C-alpha atoms as a PDB file:
ATOM      1  CA  UNK A   1       0.045   0.031  -0.085  1.00  0.00           C
ATOM      2  CA  UNK A   2       2.817   2.205  -0.675  1.00  0.00           C
ATOM      3  CA  UNK A   3       3.724   4.097  -3.969  1.00  0.00           C
ATOM      4  CA  UNK A   4       7.305   3.075  -5.421  1.00  0.00           C
ATOM      5  CA  UNK A   5      10.451   5.138  -6.528  1.00  0.00           C
ATOM      6  CA  UNK A   6      12.512   2.397  -8.010  1.00  0.00           C
ATOM      7  CA  UNK A   7      12.474   0.237 -11.373  1.00  0.00           C
ATOM      8  CA  UNK A   8      10.287   2.106 -13.591  1.00  0.00           C
ATOM      9  CA  UNK A   9       7.995   3.630 -11.159  1.00  0.00           C
ATOM     10  CA  UNK A  10       7.958   7.212 -10.122  1.00  0.00           C
ATOM     11  CA  UNK A  11       5.277   7.393  -7.425  1.00  0.00           C
ATOM     12  CA  UNK A  12       2.560   6.536 -10.010  1.00  0.00           C
ATOM     13  CA  UNK A  13      -0.636   4.950  -8.589  1.00  0.00           C
ATOM     14  CA  UNK A  14      -0.920   2.356 -11.324  1.00  0.00           C
ATOM     15  CA  UNK A  15       1.590  -0.492 -12.192  1.00  0.00           C
ATOM     16  CA  UNK A  16       1.267  -2.552 -15.160  1.00  0.00           C
ATOM     17  CA  UNK A  17       2.857  -5.910 -15.272  1.00  0.00           C
ATOM     18  CA  UNK A  18       4.113  -6.364 -18.420  1.00  0.00           C
ATOM     19  CA  UNK A  19       4.560 -10.010 -18.387  1.00  0.00           C
ATOM     20  CA  UNK A  20       0.695 -10.267 -17.402  1.00  0.00           C
ATOM     21  CA  UNK A  21      -0.593  -7.434 -18.942  1.00  0.00           C
ATOM     22  CA  UNK A  22      -2.404  -6.855 -15.687  1.00  0.00           C
ATOM     23  CA  UNK A  23      -2.628  -3.408 -13.856  1.00  0.00           C
ATOM     24  CA  UNK A  24      -2.294  -2.882 -10.046  1.00  0.00           C
ATOM     25  CA  UNK A  25      -3.764   0.144  -7.968  1.00  0.00           C
ATOM     26  CA  UNK A  26      -0.742   0.666  -5.302  1.00  0.00           C
ATOM     27  CA  UNK A  27      -3.374   2.672  -3.031  1.00  0.00           C
ATOM     28  CA  UNK A  28      -5.271  -0.461  -2.707  1.00  0.00           C
ATOM     29  CA  UNK A  29      -2.319  -3.123  -2.948  1.00  0.00           C
ATOM     30  CA  UNK A  30      -3.176  -6.579  -1.565  1.00  0.00           C
ATOM     31  CA  UNK A  31       0.125  -7.172   0.528  1.00  0.00           C
ATOM     32  CA  UNK A  32      -1.352 -10.983   1.434  1.00  0.00           C
ATOM     33  CA  UNK A  33       1.317 -13.718   0.606  1.00  0.00           C
ATOM     34  CA  UNK A  34      -0.419 -14.678  -2.679  1.00  0.00           C
ATOM     35  CA  UNK A  35      -1.515 -11.044  -3.164  1.00  0.00           C
ATOM     36  CA  UNK A  36      -0.248  -8.293  -5.778  1.00  0.00           C
ATOM     37  CA  UNK A  37       3.613  -8.845  -5.460  1.00  0.00           C
ATOM     38  CA  UNK A  38       4.290  -5.444  -6.678  1.00  0.00           C
ATOM     39  CA  UNK A  39       7.977  -5.722  -5.162  1.00  0.00           C
ATOM     40  CA  UNK A  40       8.872  -8.879  -7.392  1.00  0.00           C
ATOM     41  CA  UNK A  41       7.308  -7.257 -10.484  1.00  0.00           C
ATOM     42  CA  UNK A  42       9.793  -4.221 -10.018  1.00  0.00           C
ATOM     43  CA  UNK A  43      12.587  -6.570  -8.944  1.00  0.00           C
ATOM     44  CA  UNK A  44      11.776  -8.735 -12.661  1.00  0.00           C
ATOM     45  CA  UNK A  45      11.592  -5.330 -14.580  1.00  0.00           C
ATOM     46  CA  UNK A  46       8.099  -6.048 -15.619  1.00  0.00           C
ATOM     47  CA  UNK A  47       6.955  -2.835 -13.995  1.00  0.00           C
ATOM     48  CA  UNK A  48       5.159  -0.127 -16.389  1.00  0.00           C
ATOM     49  CA  UNK A  49       3.943   3.225 -14.818  1.00  0.00           C
ATOM     50  CA  UNK A  50       0.362   4.652 -15.668  1.00  0.00           C
ATOM     51  CA  UNK A  51      -0.993   7.723 -14.390  1.00  0.00           C
ATOM     52  CA  UNK A  52      -4.646   6.374 -14.702  1.00  0.00           C
ATOM     53  CA  UNK A  53      -6.622   3.277 -15.001  1.00  0.00           C
ATOM     54  CA  UNK A  54      -7.986   4.582 -18.471  1.00  0.00           C
ATOM     55  CA  UNK A  55      -4.378   4.709 -19.517  1.00  0.00           C
ATOM     56  CA  UNK A  56      -3.702   1.029 -18.609  1.00  0.00           C
ATOM     57  CA  UNK A  57      -6.966   0.119 -19.965  1.00  0.00           C
ATOM     58  CA  UNK A  58      -6.376   2.128 -23.198  1.00  0.00           C
ATOM     59  CA  UNK A  59      -2.982   0.054 -23.475  1.00  0.00           C
ATOM     60  CA  UNK A  60      -4.798  -3.467 -23.209  1.00  0.00           C
ATOM     61  CA  UNK A  61      -4.188  -4.157 -19.451  1.00  0.00           C
ATOM     62  CA  UNK A  62      -6.625  -5.842 -17.417  1.00  0.00           C
ATOM     63  CA  UNK A  63      -7.513  -5.276 -13.911  1.00  0.00           C
ATOM     64  CA  UNK A  64      -5.756  -7.091 -11.368  1.00  0.00           C
ATOM     65  CA  UNK A  65      -8.505  -9.584  -9.562  1.00  0.00           C
ATOM     66  CA  UNK A  66      -7.205  -8.399  -6.123  1.00  0.00           C
ATOM     67  CA  UNK A  67      -6.784  -5.050  -5.751  1.00  0.00           C
ATOM     68  CA  UNK A  68      -8.979  -3.483  -8.471  1.00  0.00           C
ATOM     69  CA  UNK A  69     -11.508  -6.412  -9.111  1.00  0.00           C
ATOM     70  CA  UNK A  70     -13.742  -6.667 -12.367  1.00  0.00           C
ATOM     71  CA  UNK A  71     -10.760  -8.776 -13.901  1.00  0.00           C
ATOM     72  CA  UNK A  72     -11.844  -9.627 -17.478  1.00  0.00           C
ATOM     73  CA  UNK A  73      -9.687 -12.931 -17.110  1.00  0.00           C
END
């Protein structure tokens, strides 16, 4: 539940996982053991920042079922 300033992130609210084309909301991050795993996404270099959810959806990213809900997968 913390904005990130490492990897490709610069404090943006939304992080896209380029490996899965899934978008996460860092203000509503699921930090449980099987949750969003944002730090792992950044460490793998799969982080793509988005300034809005609309921008992520326009780029073809689907909602994370855990932190955003309404996943289409």
